[in-house]
Amino acid sequence: MPWYAWLILVLAIGSIVGGLLLLRENAEKLPLTEEQLKRVHERNALADAKDAQDR
């Protein structure tokens, strides 16, 4: 491969990695109330039970 193909490849990979790092840096946790968190846990438990039943 010529040198400019390697350069384009390195730039593409660097762009992808840089974008992922930016996403990780700017990610914030959602502020949930206790009631909302409880409902999320209940839904997850129901979904897990349904998945186990389907198997």
N, C-alpha and C. Protein backbone atom coordinates (compact mmCIF):
# COMPACT_ATOMS: atom_id res chain seq x y z
N MET A 1 0.84 -1.18 0.00
CA MET A 1 0.00 0.00 0.00
C MET A 1 0.89 1.24 0.00
N PRO A 2 0.51 2.25 -0.74
CA PRO A 2 1.30 3.49 -0.74
C PRO A 2 1.16 4.23 0.60
N TRP A 3 2.06 5.14 0.80
CA TRP A 3 2.11 5.86 2.09
C TRP A 3 0.85 6.67 2.35
N TYR A 4 0.23 7.22 1.32
CA TYR A 4 -0.96 8.05 1.54
C TYR A 4 -2.17 7.20 1.94
N ALA A 5 -2.19 5.95 1.54
CA ALA A 5 -3.27 5.06 1.98
C ALA A 5 -3.14 4.78 3.48
N TRP A 6 -1.90 4.58 3.93
CA TRP A 6 -1.67 4.39 5.36
C TRP A 6 -2.06 5.64 6.14
N LEU A 7 -1.75 6.80 5.58
CA LEU A 7 -2.10 8.06 6.23
C LEU A 7 -3.61 8.20 6.37
N ILE A 8 -4.34 7.90 5.32
CA ILE A 8 -5.80 7.96 5.37
C ILE A 8 -6.36 6.97 6.38
N LEU A 9 -5.78 5.77 6.41
CA LEU A 9 -6.21 4.75 7.36
C LEU A 9 -5.98 5.20 8.80
N VAL A 10 -4.82 5.75 9.08
CA VAL A 10 -4.51 6.24 10.43
C VAL A 10 -5.42 7.39 10.81
N LEU A 11 -5.69 8.31 9.88
CA LEU A 11 -6.59 9.42 10.17
C LEU A 11 -8.02 8.93 10.45
N ALA A 12 -8.48 7.95 9.70
CA ALA A 12 -9.82 7.42 9.92
C ALA A 12 -9.93 6.76 11.28
N ILE A 13 -8.95 5.94 11.62
CA ILE A 13 -8.97 5.27 12.93
C ILE A 13 -8.85 6.29 14.05
N GLY A 14 -8.00 7.29 13.87
CA GLY A 14 -7.87 8.35 14.88
C GLY A 14 -9.16 9.13 15.05
N SER A 15 -9.85 9.37 13.97
CA SER A 15 -11.12 10.09 14.04
C SER A 15 -12.16 9.29 14.81
N ILE A 16 -12.21 8.00 14.56
CA ILE A 16 -13.18 7.13 15.26
C ILE A 16 -12.86 7.07 16.75
N VAL A 17 -11.61 6.85 17.08
CA VAL A 17 -11.21 6.76 18.49
C VAL A 17 -11.43 8.10 19.19
N GLY A 18 -11.10 9.19 18.53
CA GLY A 18 -11.32 10.51 19.12
C GLY A 18 -12.79 10.79 19.37
N GLY A 19 -13.64 10.40 18.44
CA GLY A 19 -15.08 10.59 18.62
C GLY A 19 -15.61 9.78 19.79
N LEU A 20 -15.13 8.55 19.92
CA LEU A 20 -15.57 7.72 21.05
C LEU A 20 -15.10 8.29 22.38
N LEU A 21 -13.88 8.81 22.41
CA LEU A 21 -13.38 9.41 23.64
C LEU A 21 -14.16 10.66 24.01
N LEU A 22 -14.55 11.46 23.01
CA LEU A 22 -15.37 12.64 23.27
C LEU A 22 -16.73 12.25 23.82
N LEU A 23 -17.34 11.22 23.25
CA LEU A 23 -18.62 10.76 23.75
C LEU A 23 -18.51 10.31 25.20
N ARG A 24 -17.45 9.58 25.51
CA ARG A 24 -17.27 9.09 26.87
C ARG A 24 -17.05 10.25 27.85
N GLU A 25 -16.32 11.24 27.41
CA GLU A 25 -16.01 12.38 28.28
C GLU A 25 -17.26 13.21 28.58
N ASN A 26 -18.14 13.33 27.60
CA ASN A 26 -19.32 14.18 27.76
C ASN A 26 -20.54 13.45 28.28
N ALA A 27 -20.43 12.15 28.49
CA ALA A 27 -21.58 11.37 28.97
C ALA A 27 -21.86 11.73 30.43
N GLU A 28 -23.14 11.89 30.73
CA GLU A 28 -23.56 12.20 32.09
C GLU A 28 -24.62 11.20 32.52
N LYS A 29 -24.64 10.90 33.79
CA LYS A 29 -25.67 10.01 34.31
C LYS A 29 -26.99 10.76 34.36
N LEU A 30 -28.07 10.01 34.14
CA LEU A 30 -29.39 10.61 34.21
C LEU A 30 -29.80 10.73 35.67
N PRO A 31 -30.21 11.93 36.07
CA PRO A 31 -30.67 12.08 37.45
C PRO A 31 -32.08 11.51 37.59
N LEU A 32 -32.20 10.33 38.19
CA LEU A 32 -33.49 9.69 38.38
C LEU A 32 -33.90 9.78 39.84
N THR A 33 -35.20 9.94 40.04
CA THR A 33 -35.72 9.92 41.41
C THR A 33 -35.76 8.47 41.88
N GLU A 34 -35.96 8.28 43.16
CA GLU A 34 -36.03 6.92 43.72
C GLU A 34 -37.18 6.14 43.09
N GLU A 35 -38.30 6.82 42.86
CA GLU A 35 -39.47 6.16 42.27
C GLU A 35 -39.18 5.70 40.84
N GLN A 36 -38.55 6.55 40.07
CA GLN A 36 -38.21 6.18 38.69
C GLN A 36 -37.22 5.02 38.67
N LEU A 37 -36.24 5.06 39.56
CA LEU A 37 -35.25 3.99 39.64
C LEU A 37 -35.92 2.67 40.03
N LYS A 38 -36.89 2.74 40.95
CA LYS A 38 -37.62 1.55 41.37
C LYS A 38 -38.39 0.96 40.19
N ARG A 39 -39.05 1.82 39.39
CA ARG A 39 -39.80 1.33 38.24
C ARG A 39 -38.87 0.69 37.20
N VAL A 40 -37.69 1.27 37.01
CA VAL A 40 -36.73 0.71 36.06
C VAL A 40 -36.31 -0.69 36.52
N HIS A 41 -36.03 -0.84 37.81
CA HIS A 41 -35.62 -2.14 38.34
C HIS A 41 -36.75 -3.16 38.21
N GLU A 42 -37.99 -2.72 38.45
CA GLU A 42 -39.13 -3.63 38.31
C GLU A 42 -39.28 -4.09 36.86
N ARG A 43 -39.16 -3.15 35.91
CA ARG A 43 -39.27 -3.51 34.50
C ARG A 43 -38.16 -4.47 34.07
N ASN A 44 -36.96 -4.23 34.57
CA ASN A 44 -35.85 -5.14 34.25
C ASN A 44 -36.10 -6.53 34.82
N ALA A 45 -36.64 -6.61 36.03
CA ALA A 45 -36.92 -7.91 36.63
C ALA A 45 -38.01 -8.63 35.83
N LEU A 46 -39.05 -7.90 35.40
CA LEU A 46 -40.11 -8.51 34.59
C LEU A 46 -39.56 -9.00 33.26
N ALA A 47 -38.72 -8.21 32.63
CA ALA A 47 -38.14 -8.61 31.34
C ALA A 47 -37.24 -9.83 31.51
N ASP A 48 -36.47 -9.88 32.59
CA ASP A 48 -35.61 -11.04 32.84
C ASP A 48 -36.45 -12.29 33.08
N ALA A 49 -37.55 -12.14 33.84
CA ALA A 49 -38.42 -13.28 34.09
C ALA A 49 -39.06 -13.77 32.80
N LYS A 50 -39.48 -12.85 31.95
CA LYS A 50 -40.09 -13.24 30.68
C LYS A 50 -39.07 -13.94 29.78
N ASP A 51 -37.84 -13.43 29.75
CA ASP A 51 -36.78 -14.06 28.94
C ASP A 51 -36.50 -15.48 29.45
N ALA A 52 -36.46 -15.64 30.78
CA ALA A 52 -36.20 -16.96 31.35
C ALA A 52 -37.34 -17.91 31.03
N GLN A 53 -38.56 -17.39 31.02
CA GLN A 53 -39.72 -18.22 30.73
C GLN A 53 -39.74 -18.63 29.25
N ASP A 54 -39.30 -17.76 28.38
CA ASP A 54 -39.28 -18.04 26.94
C ASP A 54 -38.24 -19.10 26.58
N ARG A 55 -37.24 -19.24 27.39
CA ARG A 55 -36.20 -20.23 27.11
C ARG A 55 -36.72 -21.56 27.47
